[in-house]
């Protein structure tokens, strides 16, 4: 297939390239394709005429979205709308990468695709708006909600913890927010699997299992060979960040289960693989 990937230099974009390049004809775009420019997006789509557009470009600074609401909605919502309109024009399928932050965390058990969203932050609202545009403008779409994404490329929690472990004697990490850490390489593989099957719809796509940020940080230090660093749990109130986070945003890959797709491995197994263990 001919596949356009937006956000190609990001951590997911880089892994999508690794996973897909041997089997498909890829067209990679990053800052050279401004997704907020509707005319340029449509022109690019018409020139390439891809079978699929994987839209991984996004404004993912959760706290930054609170103070930059216009940017958040322009990139995450209007950008997704522009890509969806272009896909509709050329009859291409679209993959839209969304987030666990569309949920409020009040459920206290893993969210499935049929639960009602209720985002707490501008970031969550902007990504949900993107979902709305994609699902209402297209018939051929995949909405892949993921969570706590990390990979070999780009900024992420794993790299931050390792960097802080080299700089500080003690780390303090939130212990009252729970989710499913997801290796971007595993997400890229699952997206590759979905697009080959034309299995349109909404999917939760995270590594299995769950933990708090504190528990995740301890695993990072353990697998990264830095478990001698002292780490202490704190509450979200102590951290006092601009954007409100859901306390429990664990996702269950329910539609993957119902449609008999292979399960995604545990977050611990994926993290070991990340460190080459």
Protein backbone atom coordinates (compact mmCIF):
# COMPACT_ATOMS: atom_id res chain seq x y z
CA UNK A 1 0.00 0.00 0.00
CA UNK A 2 0.91 3.65 -0.36
CA UNK A 3 0.84 5.14 3.14
CA UNK A 4 1.30 8.73 4.29
CA UNK A 5 2.61 9.14 7.85
CA UNK A 6 2.30 12.53 9.54
CA UNK A 7 4.46 13.32 12.55
CA UNK A 8 7.04 10.97 11.05
CA UNK A 9 9.96 12.15 13.20
CA UNK A 10 8.12 11.60 16.48
CA UNK A 11 8.54 8.51 18.63
CA UNK A 12 5.54 6.75 17.07
CA UNK A 13 6.32 8.03 13.57
CA UNK A 14 9.85 6.62 13.72
CA UNK A 15 8.56 3.21 14.84
CA UNK A 16 5.84 3.24 12.18
CA UNK A 17 8.61 3.69 9.63
CA UNK A 18 10.56 0.73 11.03
CA UNK A 19 7.50 -1.51 11.07
CA UNK A 20 5.97 -0.57 7.72
CA UNK A 21 8.82 0.34 5.37
CA UNK A 22 9.64 -3.21 4.26
CA UNK A 23 6.09 -3.96 3.19
CA UNK A 24 4.60 -0.64 2.08
CA UNK A 25 5.49 2.47 0.09
CA UNK A 26 5.79 5.21 2.73
CA UNK A 27 5.54 8.98 2.34
CA UNK A 28 6.85 10.61 5.51
CA UNK A 29 5.92 14.11 6.63
CA UNK A 30 6.72 16.16 9.69
CA UNK A 31 6.99 19.95 9.92
CA UNK A 32 7.06 20.01 6.12
CA UNK A 33 3.32 19.29 6.18
CA UNK A 34 1.39 21.74 8.35
CA UNK A 35 -1.79 19.82 9.13
CA UNK A 36 -3.55 23.07 10.07
CA UNK A 37 -3.20 24.20 6.43
CA UNK A 38 -6.24 22.58 4.82
CA UNK A 39 -5.26 23.45 1.24
CA UNK A 40 -1.75 22.04 1.59
CA UNK A 41 -3.03 18.84 3.23
CA UNK A 42 -5.53 18.30 0.42
CA UNK A 43 -2.98 19.11 -2.30
CA UNK A 44 -0.46 16.67 -0.80
CA UNK A 45 -3.06 13.92 -0.48
CA UNK A 46 -4.20 14.35 -4.09
CA UNK A 47 -0.62 14.31 -5.42
CA UNK A 48 0.28 11.07 -3.61
CA UNK A 49 -3.17 9.41 -3.62
CA UNK A 50 -2.36 7.05 -0.73
CA UNK A 51 -4.39 4.07 0.36
CA UNK A 52 -3.98 5.05 4.03
CA UNK A 53 -3.00 8.16 5.97
CA UNK A 54 -1.64 7.47 9.46
CA UNK A 55 -2.08 10.73 11.34
CA UNK A 56 0.30 10.65 14.30
CA UNK A 57 1.14 14.37 14.33
CA UNK A 58 -0.26 16.07 17.43
CA UNK A 59 0.33 18.71 20.09
CA UNK A 60 0.94 16.44 23.08
CA UNK A 61 2.18 18.86 25.76
CA UNK A 62 -0.67 18.22 28.20
CA UNK A 63 0.13 21.15 30.48
CA UNK A 64 1.06 23.37 27.54
CA UNK A 65 -2.39 22.81 26.06
CA UNK A 66 -3.93 24.55 29.08
CA UNK A 67 -2.13 27.81 28.30
CA UNK A 68 -2.15 27.35 24.52
CA UNK A 69 -5.74 26.32 23.89
CA UNK A 70 -5.82 27.76 20.35
CA UNK A 71 -2.78 25.70 19.32
CA UNK A 72 -4.21 22.57 20.94
CA UNK A 73 -7.53 22.77 19.08
CA UNK A 74 -5.95 23.95 15.84
CA UNK A 75 -3.47 21.04 15.69
CA UNK A 76 -5.35 18.22 17.43
CA UNK A 77 -8.90 18.96 16.24
CA UNK A 78 -8.77 21.11 13.09
CA UNK A 79 -5.62 19.32 11.91
CA UNK A 80 -7.40 15.98 12.20
CA UNK A 81 -10.42 17.44 10.43
CA UNK A 82 -8.24 18.62 7.53
CA UNK A 83 -6.65 15.20 7.16
CA UNK A 84 -10.08 13.51 7.32
CA UNK A 85 -11.49 15.82 4.64
CA UNK A 86 -8.53 15.04 2.40
CA UNK A 87 -8.94 11.29 2.98
CA UNK A 88 -12.62 11.56 2.12
CA UNK A 89 -11.78 13.42 -1.10
CA UNK A 90 -9.40 10.70 -2.32
CA UNK A 91 -11.19 7.71 -0.75
CA UNK A 92 -8.28 6.83 1.55
CA UNK A 93 -8.51 5.24 4.97
CA UNK A 94 -7.30 7.23 7.97
CA UNK A 95 -5.64 6.21 11.22
CA UNK A 96 -6.07 8.75 14.01
CA UNK A 97 -3.98 8.25 17.15
CA UNK A 98 -5.94 9.31 20.24
CA UNK A 99 -5.49 9.10 23.99
CA UNK A 100 -6.67 7.73 27.33
CA UNK A 101 -7.08 11.36 28.44
CA UNK A 102 -10.51 11.50 26.78
CA UNK A 103 -11.77 9.72 29.93
CA UNK A 104 -12.20 11.25 33.39
CA UNK A 105 -10.91 8.29 35.41
CA UNK A 106 -14.04 7.94 37.53
CA UNK A 107 -14.89 4.40 36.37
CA UNK A 108 -12.35 2.62 38.61
CA UNK A 109 -12.00 -0.27 36.16
CA UNK A 110 -10.50 -0.46 32.66
CA UNK A 111 -12.28 1.61 30.04
CA UNK A 112 -13.60 -0.08 26.93
CA UNK A 113 -14.33 1.52 23.58
CA UNK A 114 -18.04 1.77 24.36
CA UNK A 115 -17.63 3.89 27.49
CA UNK A 116 -18.59 7.54 27.27
CA UNK A 117 -15.68 10.00 27.15
CA UNK A 118 -15.48 12.91 29.57
CA UNK A 119 -12.11 14.66 29.26
CA UNK A 120 -10.75 16.75 32.12
CA UNK A 121 -8.17 18.82 30.20
CA UNK A 122 -7.84 20.93 27.07
CA UNK A 123 -5.57 18.23 25.65
CA UNK A 124 -8.20 15.54 26.21
CA UNK A 125 -10.95 17.76 24.79
CA UNK A 126 -8.93 18.61 21.69
CA UNK A 127 -8.11 14.95 20.98
CA UNK A 128 -11.76 13.97 21.48
CA UNK A 129 -12.79 16.70 19.04
CA UNK A 130 -10.36 15.15 16.55
CA UNK A 131 -12.04 11.77 17.08
CA UNK A 132 -15.42 13.38 16.39
CA UNK A 133 -14.30 14.87 13.08
CA UNK A 134 -12.68 11.64 11.90
CA UNK A 135 -15.64 9.42 12.80
CA UNK A 136 -18.22 11.80 11.31
CA UNK A 137 -16.39 12.63 8.08
CA UNK A 138 -15.19 9.15 7.14
CA UNK A 139 -16.43 5.60 6.80
CA UNK A 140 -12.93 4.13 6.49
CA UNK A 141 -11.16 5.09 9.69
CA UNK A 142 -9.27 3.64 12.63
CA UNK A 143 -9.21 5.56 15.90
CA UNK A 144 -6.43 4.06 18.01
CA UNK A 145 -6.51 5.24 21.61
CA UNK A 146 -3.28 4.66 23.43
CA UNK A 147 -1.68 5.73 26.71
CA UNK A 148 1.58 6.64 28.46
CA UNK A 149 3.52 6.26 25.21
CA UNK A 150 7.30 5.90 25.20
CA UNK A 151 9.86 4.87 22.61
CA UNK A 152 13.45 5.12 21.48
CA UNK A 153 12.85 8.49 19.85
CA UNK A 154 11.44 11.76 21.18
CA UNK A 155 10.75 12.90 24.73
CA UNK A 156 8.95 10.55 27.10
CA UNK A 157 8.63 9.50 30.74
CA UNK A 158 11.20 6.70 30.47
CA UNK A 159 13.92 9.05 29.23
CA UNK A 160 12.96 11.70 31.80
CA UNK A 161 13.27 9.26 34.71
CA UNK A 162 16.65 7.99 33.51
CA UNK A 163 17.93 11.55 33.07
CA UNK A 164 16.73 12.61 36.54
CA UNK A 165 18.30 9.49 38.06
CA UNK A 166 21.68 10.74 36.79
CA UNK A 167 21.11 14.22 38.19
CA UNK A 168 19.38 13.72 41.56
CA UNK A 169 19.84 11.68 44.72
CA UNK A 170 16.10 11.18 45.18
CA UNK A 171 13.14 11.15 42.80
CA UNK A 172 9.53 11.93 43.72
CA UNK A 173 6.87 10.46 41.47
CA UNK A 174 3.06 10.53 41.52
CA UNK A 175 1.50 7.36 42.93
CA UNK A 176 -2.24 8.09 42.55
CA UNK A 177 -2.60 8.07 38.76
CA UNK A 178 -2.93 4.67 37.06
CA UNK A 179 -2.61 3.74 33.40
CA UNK A 180 -1.11 1.34 30.87
CA UNK A 181 2.43 2.25 29.70
CA UNK A 182 2.74 1.52 25.99
CA UNK A 183 5.85 0.97 23.89
CA UNK A 184 5.52 2.93 20.63
CA UNK A 185 7.02 0.03 18.66
CA UNK A 186 4.19 -2.25 19.84
CA UNK A 187 1.60 0.37 18.91
CA UNK A 188 3.16 0.72 15.46
CA UNK A 189 2.97 -3.04 14.95
CA UNK A 190 -0.70 -3.11 15.94
CA UNK A 191 -1.52 -0.23 13.59
CA UNK A 192 0.23 -2.12 10.80
CA UNK A 193 -1.86 -5.17 11.60
CA UNK A 194 -5.13 -3.23 11.60
CA UNK A 195 -4.62 -1.45 8.28
CA UNK A 196 -3.84 -4.72 6.50
CA UNK A 197 -7.19 -6.16 7.61
CA UNK A 198 -9.35 -3.13 6.72
CA UNK A 199 -10.75 -3.53 10.23
CA UNK A 200 -12.24 -0.08 10.58
CA UNK A 201 -13.42 1.25 13.93
CA UNK A 202 -12.34 2.50 17.35
CA UNK A 203 -9.67 0.53 19.20
CA UNK A 204 -7.91 0.74 22.52
CA UNK A 205 -4.30 -0.12 21.76
CA UNK A 206 -2.11 -0.27 24.85
CA UNK A 207 0.24 -2.81 26.33
CA UNK A 208 -1.64 -4.94 28.84
CA UNK A 209 -1.47 -4.54 32.61
CA UNK A 210 -1.44 -1.31 34.59
CA UNK A 211 0.52 0.59 37.20
CA UNK A 212 0.94 4.01 38.76
CA UNK A 213 3.54 6.47 37.52
CA UNK A 214 5.53 5.67 40.67
CA UNK A 215 5.42 1.93 39.99
CA UNK A 216 6.35 2.55 36.35
CA UNK A 217 9.31 4.68 37.43
CA UNK A 218 10.55 1.91 39.75
CA UNK A 219 10.46 -0.56 36.84
CA UNK A 220 12.34 1.90 34.64
CA UNK A 221 15.07 2.27 37.26
CA UNK A 222 15.21 -1.50 37.79
CA UNK A 223 15.42 -2.43 34.10
CA UNK A 224 17.68 0.55 33.38
CA UNK A 225 20.22 -0.54 35.99
CA UNK A 226 19.63 2.43 38.26
CA UNK A 227 17.65 0.80 41.07
CA UNK A 228 20.09 2.20 43.63
CA UNK A 229 18.43 5.62 43.19
CA UNK A 230 15.98 6.47 45.96
CA UNK A 231 12.41 7.07 44.79
CA UNK A 232 9.46 8.27 46.86
CA UNK A 233 5.72 8.39 46.08
CA UNK A 234 3.80 11.67 46.13
CA UNK A 235 0.20 12.71 45.42
CA UNK A 236 -1.04 14.59 42.37
CA UNK A 237 -1.90 17.53 44.64
CA UNK A 238 1.74 17.77 45.70
CA UNK A 239 2.86 17.94 42.08
CA UNK A 240 0.33 20.69 41.30
CA UNK A 241 0.38 20.66 37.50
CA UNK A 242 -1.75 22.98 35.30
CA UNK A 243 -3.77 20.23 33.56
CA UNK A 244 -6.01 17.91 35.52
CA UNK A 245 -5.26 14.23 34.89
CA UNK A 246 -7.59 11.24 35.26
CA UNK A 247 -6.68 9.21 38.34
CA UNK A 248 -7.55 5.95 36.57
CA UNK A 249 -7.29 5.80 32.78
CA UNK A 250 -6.42 2.15 32.21
CA UNK A 251 -7.68 0.99 28.81
CA UNK A 252 -8.90 -2.50 27.96
CA UNK A 253 -8.29 -3.49 24.34
CA UNK A 254 -11.83 -4.78 24.16
CA UNK A 255 -12.47 -4.39 20.41
CA UNK A 256 -9.20 -6.14 19.62
CA UNK A 257 -10.44 -8.99 21.80
CA UNK A 258 -13.91 -9.08 20.19
CA UNK A 259 -12.44 -9.10 16.68
CA UNK A 260 -9.94 -11.83 17.55
CA UNK A 261 -6.77 -9.80 17.00
CA UNK A 262 -3.62 -10.95 18.73
CA UNK A 263 -3.27 -9.44 22.23
CA UNK A 264 -0.68 -6.79 22.96
CA UNK A 265 1.99 -7.97 25.39
CA UNK A 266 2.32 -6.78 28.99
CA UNK A 267 3.86 -3.40 29.67
CA UNK A 268 6.57 -5.08 31.76
CA UNK A 269 7.59 -7.37 28.88
CA UNK A 270 7.60 -4.42 26.48
CA UNK A 271 9.72 -2.33 28.88
CA UNK A 272 12.23 -5.18 29.23
CA UNK A 273 12.47 -5.31 25.45
CA UNK A 274 13.00 -1.53 25.33
CA UNK A 275 16.04 -1.99 27.57
CA UNK A 276 17.20 -5.09 25.70
CA UNK A 277 16.64 -7.37 28.70
